[in-house]
Protein backbone atom coordinates (compact mmCIF):
# COMPACT_ATOMS: atom_id res chain seq x y z
CA ASN A 1 9.36 -8.48 -22.36
CA GLU A 2 10.25 -4.61 -23.43
CA ASN A 3 8.22 -1.85 -22.72
CA ASN A 4 8.67 2.17 -23.41
CA SER A 5 8.40 4.72 -20.88
CA GLY A 6 4.89 4.72 -21.95
CA GLY A 7 4.22 1.41 -20.83
CA THR A 8 3.62 0.39 -24.64
CA TYR A 9 4.87 -3.42 -25.54
CA LEU A 10 7.67 -3.65 -28.28
CA THR A 11 8.70 -5.99 -30.64
CA GLY A 12 11.84 -5.78 -32.51
CA GLY A 13 13.41 -3.11 -29.99
CA SER A 14 11.87 -0.06 -31.60
CA THR A 15 8.15 -0.28 -32.33
CA GLY A 16 6.09 2.37 -31.12
CA ALA A 17 8.87 3.93 -29.92
CA THR A 18 10.19 7.75 -30.40
CA ILE A 19 14.02 7.82 -30.77
CA THR A 20 15.95 10.30 -29.16
CA SER A 21 19.25 11.19 -27.67
CA ASN A 22 18.45 8.93 -24.92
CA ILE A 23 16.94 5.54 -25.19
CA THR A 24 15.32 3.49 -21.84
CA ARG A 25 13.97 0.13 -21.60
CA PHE A 26 12.19 -1.33 -19.18
CA TRP A 27 12.48 -5.43 -18.52
CA TYR A 28 9.04 -7.09 -16.74
CA THR A 29 8.01 -10.09 -15.56
CA ARG A 30 5.08 -11.31 -17.20
CA THR A 31 2.63 -13.90 -16.95
CA LEU A 32 0.44 -15.14 -20.04
CA SER A 33 -3.23 -16.49 -18.30
CA GLY A 34 -6.76 -17.32 -19.52
CA GLY A 35 -7.44 -16.80 -22.98
CA GLY A 36 -4.30 -14.90 -23.97
CA THR A 37 -4.21 -12.18 -21.62
CA VAL A 38 -0.89 -10.93 -20.38
CA ASN A 39 -0.70 -9.45 -16.89
CA ASN A 40 1.86 -7.04 -16.02
CA ILE A 41 3.23 -8.67 -12.75
CA GLY A 42 6.22 -5.86 -12.14
CA GLN A 43 9.32 -4.41 -12.98
CA ILE A 44 13.04 -6.21 -12.63
CA PHE A 45 15.16 -3.40 -14.00
CA THR A 46 15.59 -0.28 -16.53
CA PHE A 47 18.50 0.08 -18.47
CA THR A 48 19.14 4.14 -19.74
CA GLY A 49 21.66 4.74 -22.52
CA THR A 50 22.50 7.02 -25.56
CA LEU A 51 21.98 6.41 -29.08
CA ASN A 52 24.86 4.20 -30.92
CA GLN A 53 26.21 3.25 -27.48
CA PRO A 54 27.48 -0.35 -27.80
CA ILE A 55 25.95 -2.58 -25.49
CA ASP A 56 26.88 -6.18 -24.22
CA MET A 57 24.19 -7.66 -22.42
CA THR A 58 23.12 -11.66 -21.21
CA LEU A 59 19.91 -12.18 -20.13
CA ARG A 60 19.49 -15.70 -18.34
CA PHE A 61 16.07 -17.34 -18.22
CA TYR A 62 15.31 -19.44 -14.97
CA ALA A 63 12.31 -21.61 -13.83
CA PRO A 64 10.12 -21.63 -16.97
CA GLN A 65 6.86 -23.29 -16.69
CA PHE A 66 3.70 -24.08 -18.70
CA GLU A 67 0.84 -25.52 -17.06
CA ARG A 68 -3.07 -25.87 -17.87
CA THR A 69 -4.53 -23.71 -14.75
CA LYS A 70 -5.96 -20.02 -14.71
CA TYR A 71 -2.98 -18.54 -12.35
CA PRO A 72 0.56 -19.74 -11.85
CA THR A 73 1.53 -22.31 -9.21
CA THR A 74 4.56 -22.81 -7.12
CA TRP A 75 7.62 -23.62 -9.89
CA ILE A 76 7.56 -27.64 -10.09
CA PRO A 77 11.24 -28.65 -11.36
CA THR A 78 11.50 -30.99 -14.19
CA TYR A 79 14.50 -33.55 -14.44
CA ASN A 80 15.46 -36.64 -16.76
CA ASN A 81 18.85 -37.67 -15.76
CA GLY A 82 20.78 -34.61 -16.90
CA LEU A 83 18.85 -35.10 -20.48
CA PRO A 84 16.07 -32.29 -21.20
CA GLY A 85 13.18 -32.23 -18.82
CA ILE A 86 10.24 -34.32 -19.13
CA ALA A 87 6.78 -32.91 -18.02
CA VAL A 88 5.80 -33.76 -14.65
CA SER A 89 2.69 -33.15 -12.07
CA SER A 90 3.52 -32.42 -8.48
CA SER A 91 1.25 -32.09 -5.51
CA SER A 92 1.92 -29.11 -2.64
CA ASN A 93 1.35 -28.18 0.39
CA ASN A 94 1.10 -24.54 -0.57
CA ILE A 95 -2.44 -23.19 -0.11
CA ALA A 96 -1.49 -21.13 -3.04
CA ASP A 97 -1.83 -23.90 -5.09
CA ILE A 98 -5.34 -24.55 -5.41
CA GLY A 99 -5.36 -24.95 -9.16
CA ASN A 100 -8.18 -23.75 -11.56
CA PHE A 101 -10.61 -22.09 -9.33
CA SER A 102 -12.82 -19.43 -9.81
CA PHE A 103 -11.59 -15.58 -8.43
CA THR A 104 -12.46 -12.03 -9.20
CA ARG A 105 -11.95 -8.88 -7.23
CA PRO A 106 -12.95 -5.74 -9.07
CA SER A 107 -9.86 -3.30 -7.70
CA ILE A 108 -6.00 -3.27 -7.01
CA GLY A 109 -5.45 -4.85 -3.83
CA TYR A 110 -2.41 -5.02 -1.60
CA ALA A 111 -1.16 -8.52 0.67
CA GLU A 112 2.07 -8.59 2.76
CA ASP A 113 4.91 -11.25 2.85
CA ILE A 114 6.37 -12.91 5.73
CA ASN A 115 8.88 -10.23 5.94
CA GLY A 116 6.49 -7.46 5.61
CA ASN A 117 7.10 -6.43 2.10
CA LEU A 118 3.72 -4.83 0.57
CA SER A 119 2.91 -6.14 -2.78
CA LEU A 120 0.61 -4.75 -5.36
CA PHE A 121 -1.74 -7.28 -6.97
CA TYR A 122 -3.98 -5.60 -10.32
CA GLY A 123 -7.65 -6.31 -10.44
CA ASN A 124 -8.66 -10.24 -10.93
CA ILE A 125 -5.12 -11.10 -9.93
CA PRO A 126 -5.25 -13.62 -6.23
CA ARG A 127 -2.99 -12.09 -4.02
CA ILE A 128 -0.52 -14.82 -3.58
CA THR A 129 2.42 -14.43 -1.39
CA ASN A 130 4.59 -16.56 0.47
CA LYS A 131 2.33 -16.19 3.42
CA GLY A 132 -0.20 -18.16 1.44
CA PHE A 133 -3.75 -16.81 -0.53
CA LEU A 134 -5.10 -14.13 1.25
CA ILE A 135 -9.20 -13.82 1.25
CA GLU A 136 -11.02 -10.82 2.89
CA GLU A 137 -14.25 -9.88 3.14
CA SER A 138 -15.42 -6.99 0.72
CA ARG A 139 -14.61 -3.40 2.22
CA THR A 140 -14.92 0.26 0.95
CA ASN A 141 -12.26 2.99 1.90
CA LEU A 142 -13.84 5.98 2.49
CA LEU A 143 -11.13 8.24 2.84
CA LEU A 144 -10.11 9.97 -0.81
CA GLN A 145 -6.55 10.73 -1.90
CA SER A 146 -5.65 8.10 0.54
CA GLN A 147 -1.82 8.45 -0.05
CA THR A 148 -1.77 12.05 -1.52
CA PHE A 149 -1.90 14.43 1.38
CA ASP A 150 -0.57 17.61 -0.21
CA ASN A 151 -3.80 17.05 -1.88
CA ALA A 152 -6.99 19.80 -0.66
CA THR A 153 -9.11 16.96 0.33
CA TRP A 154 -7.02 16.78 3.31
CA GLY A 155 -7.31 19.96 5.56
CA LYS A 156 -4.24 21.03 6.87
CA TYR A 157 -4.70 22.92 10.40
CA ILE A 158 -2.22 25.01 12.71
CA GLY A 159 0.18 25.08 10.14
CA MET A 160 0.81 21.39 9.01
CA THR A 161 2.09 21.29 5.67
CA ALA A 162 2.29 17.73 3.43
CA THR A 163 5.06 17.49 0.88
CA ALA A 164 4.31 15.05 -2.05
CA ASN A 165 6.46 11.77 -2.97
CA THR A 166 9.43 12.71 -0.41
CA THR A 167 10.31 8.77 0.95
CA VAL A 168 9.66 5.08 -0.34
CA ALA A 169 6.51 4.11 0.81
CA PRO A 170 6.09 0.55 2.11
CA ASN A 171 5.09 -0.61 -1.52
CA GLY A 172 8.86 0.41 -2.82
CA THR A 173 7.19 3.33 -4.74
CA LEU A 174 8.52 7.29 -4.34
CA THR A 175 4.87 7.87 -2.89
CA ALA A 176 5.25 8.77 0.59
CA ASP A 177 4.04 11.87 1.95
CA ARG A 178 6.08 13.86 4.65
CA LEU A 179 3.94 15.53 7.52
CA THR A 180 5.97 18.74 8.73
CA VAL A 181 4.41 20.55 12.18
CA ASN A 182 4.21 24.26 12.84
CA GLY A 183 2.34 24.37 16.40
CA ALA A 184 0.52 22.53 19.09
CA HIS A 185 -2.07 20.20 17.53
CA SER A 186 -0.90 20.69 13.78
CA ARG A 187 -2.66 17.85 12.07
CA ILE A 188 -4.18 17.17 8.57
CA GLU A 189 -8.21 15.82 8.71
CA GLN A 190 -10.70 14.44 6.46
CA THR A 191 -14.54 13.82 6.95
CA PRO A 192 -15.07 10.44 4.88
CA SER A 193 -16.66 10.46 1.77
CA GLY A 194 -20.99 10.62 2.41
CA GLY A 195 -20.05 11.41 6.10
CA TRP A 196 -20.18 9.30 9.45
CA THR A 197 -22.93 7.62 10.10
CA HIS A 198 -24.31 7.06 13.86
CA SER A 199 -23.63 4.02 15.97
CA THR A 200 -21.33 2.77 13.60
CA THR A 201 -18.20 0.77 14.11
CA TYR A 202 -15.35 1.80 11.91
CA ALA A 203 -11.71 0.37 11.48
CA CYS A 204 -9.09 3.47 10.62
CA SER A 205 -5.32 2.84 9.91
CA VAL A 206 -2.33 4.73 8.21
CA TYR A 207 0.93 4.01 7.39
CA VAL A 208 3.84 5.85 9.50
CA LYS A 209 7.50 6.15 9.53
CA ALA A 210 9.03 8.43 12.21
CA GLY A 211 11.52 11.21 11.71
CA THR A 212 12.27 14.21 14.14
CA ALA A 213 8.47 13.24 14.71
CA THR A 214 8.55 10.07 16.84
CA HIS A 215 4.76 9.69 17.79
CA ALA A 216 1.74 9.68 15.78
CA ALA A 217 -1.97 10.04 16.64
CA PHE A 218 -5.82 9.44 15.16
CA GLY A 219 -7.60 11.94 16.96
CA PHE A 220 -11.76 12.54 16.57
CA TYR A 221 -14.17 15.42 17.73
CA ASN A 222 -17.42 15.09 18.80
CA GLY A 223 -17.94 18.00 21.29
CA SER A 224 -15.24 16.39 23.44
CA ASP A 225 -11.46 15.49 22.14
CA HIS A 226 -10.56 11.92 21.82
CA TRP A 227 -7.07 10.88 21.07
CA ILE A 228 -5.04 7.47 20.55
CA SER A 229 -1.34 7.85 20.40
CA TYR A 230 1.37 5.62 19.31
CA ASP A 231 5.12 5.76 19.37
CA ILE A 232 6.32 4.97 15.96
CA SER A 233 10.24 4.59 16.65
CA LYS A 234 9.57 1.89 19.04
CA GLY A 235 6.29 0.12 18.33
CA LEU A 236 4.04 1.30 21.40
CA ILE A 237 0.83 2.10 21.58
CA GLU A 238 0.56 4.68 24.16
CA THR A 239 -2.09 6.35 25.76
CA ASN A 240 -6.11 6.49 24.75
CA THR A 241 -8.10 9.42 25.91
CA GLY A 242 -11.83 9.76 25.42
CA THR A 243 -14.25 7.23 24.79
CA VAL A 244 -14.60 6.46 20.92
CA PHE A 245 -11.40 4.59 20.43
CA THR A 246 -11.06 0.68 21.09
CA ASN A 247 -8.67 -2.16 20.27
CA PRO A 248 -5.78 -0.02 18.59
CA THR A 249 -2.62 -1.86 16.86
CA ILE A 250 0.48 -1.11 15.36
CA THR A 251 2.15 -3.77 13.26
CA SER A 252 5.87 -3.14 11.90
CA VAL A 253 6.41 -3.23 8.05
CA ILE A 254 9.26 -3.09 5.91
CA GLY A 255 12.00 -0.34 5.76
CA GLY A 256 10.72 1.24 9.35
CA TRP A 257 7.26 1.80 8.53
CA TYR A 258 4.34 0.88 10.87
CA ARG A 259 0.59 0.53 10.11
CA ILE A 260 -1.46 1.97 13.11
CA SER A 261 -5.04 1.47 13.34
CA VAL A 262 -7.65 1.66 15.78
CA ILE A 263 -11.54 1.30 16.18
CA ILE A 264 -13.78 4.07 16.20
CA THR A 265 -17.83 3.43 17.03
CA THR A 266 -19.38 6.72 16.58
CA PRO A 267 -21.85 8.21 19.08
CA ALA A 268 -25.84 7.82 18.58
CA SER A 269 -26.19 11.81 18.31
CA GLY A 270 -24.28 14.65 17.45
CA THR A 271 -21.86 16.28 15.19
CA PHE A 272 -18.48 14.86 14.22
CA SER A 273 -15.34 16.61 13.26
CA GLY A 274 -13.27 14.52 10.35
CA LEU A 275 -10.57 11.68 10.85
CA LYS A 276 -7.74 13.60 12.70
CA ILE A 277 -4.18 12.18 12.02
CA GLU A 278 -1.08 14.24 13.66
CA VAL A 279 2.50 13.73 14.47
CA SER A 280 4.69 14.89 17.37
CA ASP A 281 8.18 14.80 19.26
CA SER A 282 6.01 13.91 22.20
CA LEU A 283 3.04 11.49 23.22
CA ILE A 284 0.04 13.01 22.02
CA ASN A 285 -3.06 14.12 24.23
CA PHE A 286 -5.13 16.92 24.99
CA SER A 287 -2.23 19.01 26.14
CA ASN A 288 0.11 17.93 23.21
CA VAL A 289 2.69 21.00 22.41
CA ALA A 290 5.21 19.85 19.53
CA THR A 291 8.20 21.22 18.65
CA THR A 292 7.90 23.48 15.32
CA GLY A 293 9.74 21.74 12.23
CA VAL A 294 9.37 18.00 13.25
CA TYR A 295 8.31 15.63 10.54
CA ALA A 296 7.17 12.31 9.74
CA ASP A 297 6.30 9.99 6.93
CA VAL A 298 2.70 8.94 5.95
CA TRP A 299 1.22 6.44 3.39
CA GLY A 300 -2.04 4.74 2.71
CA ALA A 301 -4.78 5.93 4.80
CA GLN A 302 -7.76 3.69 5.47
CA LEU A 303 -11.34 4.20 6.95
CA GLU A 304 -13.61 1.46 6.45
CA VAL A 305 -17.18 0.04 8.12
CA GLY A 306 -16.21 -3.01 10.02
CA SER A 307 -14.67 -3.94 12.99
CA PHE A 308 -10.98 -4.63 12.31
CA PRO A 309 -8.98 -3.16 9.68
CA THR A 310 -8.26 -5.24 6.00
CA SER A 311 -5.19 -4.82 3.58
CA TYR A 312 -4.86 -1.45 2.22
CA ILE A 313 -7.37 0.06 -0.41
CA PRO A 314 -5.76 3.05 -2.72
CA THR A 315 -8.16 5.88 -3.67
CA THR A 316 -8.05 8.87 -5.74
CA SER A 317 -10.82 10.96 -6.37
CA ALA A 318 -13.44 8.57 -5.29
CA THR A 319 -14.06 5.58 -2.71
CA VAL A 320 -12.59 1.98 -3.88
CA THR A 321 -14.25 -1.29 -2.99
């Protein structure tokens, strides 16, 4: 399956493409399902050449499978004593091989495999990895621009800067941003869409990767400061100051990234700050003094109503459920 740089499906190698001095071709795996719908699964490789350049290319196809089901299941090999294979059926212990089940999800979603790789699944595609079939309750990410920290939606305080798309994110794309410190308690901050609700339990999470800043923290203010600090070079929970944070976690994923999370229970009254995210080269608490110029990488911030974090839900200009 050949696509041009705009994602248009091509037949005959040129239909719909504008020929220039450079030719770029993208090859994808595709799954044909339910009523002839073609779902883009993922890019395999990109080839860039020049016009009239000879190309010697061999494509080898492996493990084709045609089955009567709404979603692809584990590959079933077919053999016939060295002759062309005959149709066979198979049983499986893989929880993903459910068959003709009914499934809907209105938005894209992520799921981790056993190696910590984070994979994107488009709407209405089941999240099936080598961990099995991921099923979660409905949640809404209340933070906007969840992976574009340079956006004005995120307030920058005490000289914190956010540089866009500097690092490969946990999902394999160049979309992680770099936070660079410029003073004590430099931070980014955002109030959830619609504001906080009193006496409510929220789960907040973000992916972080150590640079010269080896510590990260969530902060919250309601007349008193509250901080929960993590060592993102060693994968440790450090200190919890204040009373609103409970059940912190830090989970290793691919490429030196960690997902840090904590539960916030808002007080019954008062006014609150936004959710603060801070990085530093030392433990973060009330008196933290970070060295100017240290940095860490961030991606995928999430705030949701609930007593535990669910898989990452990306947002742009609106909340996503």
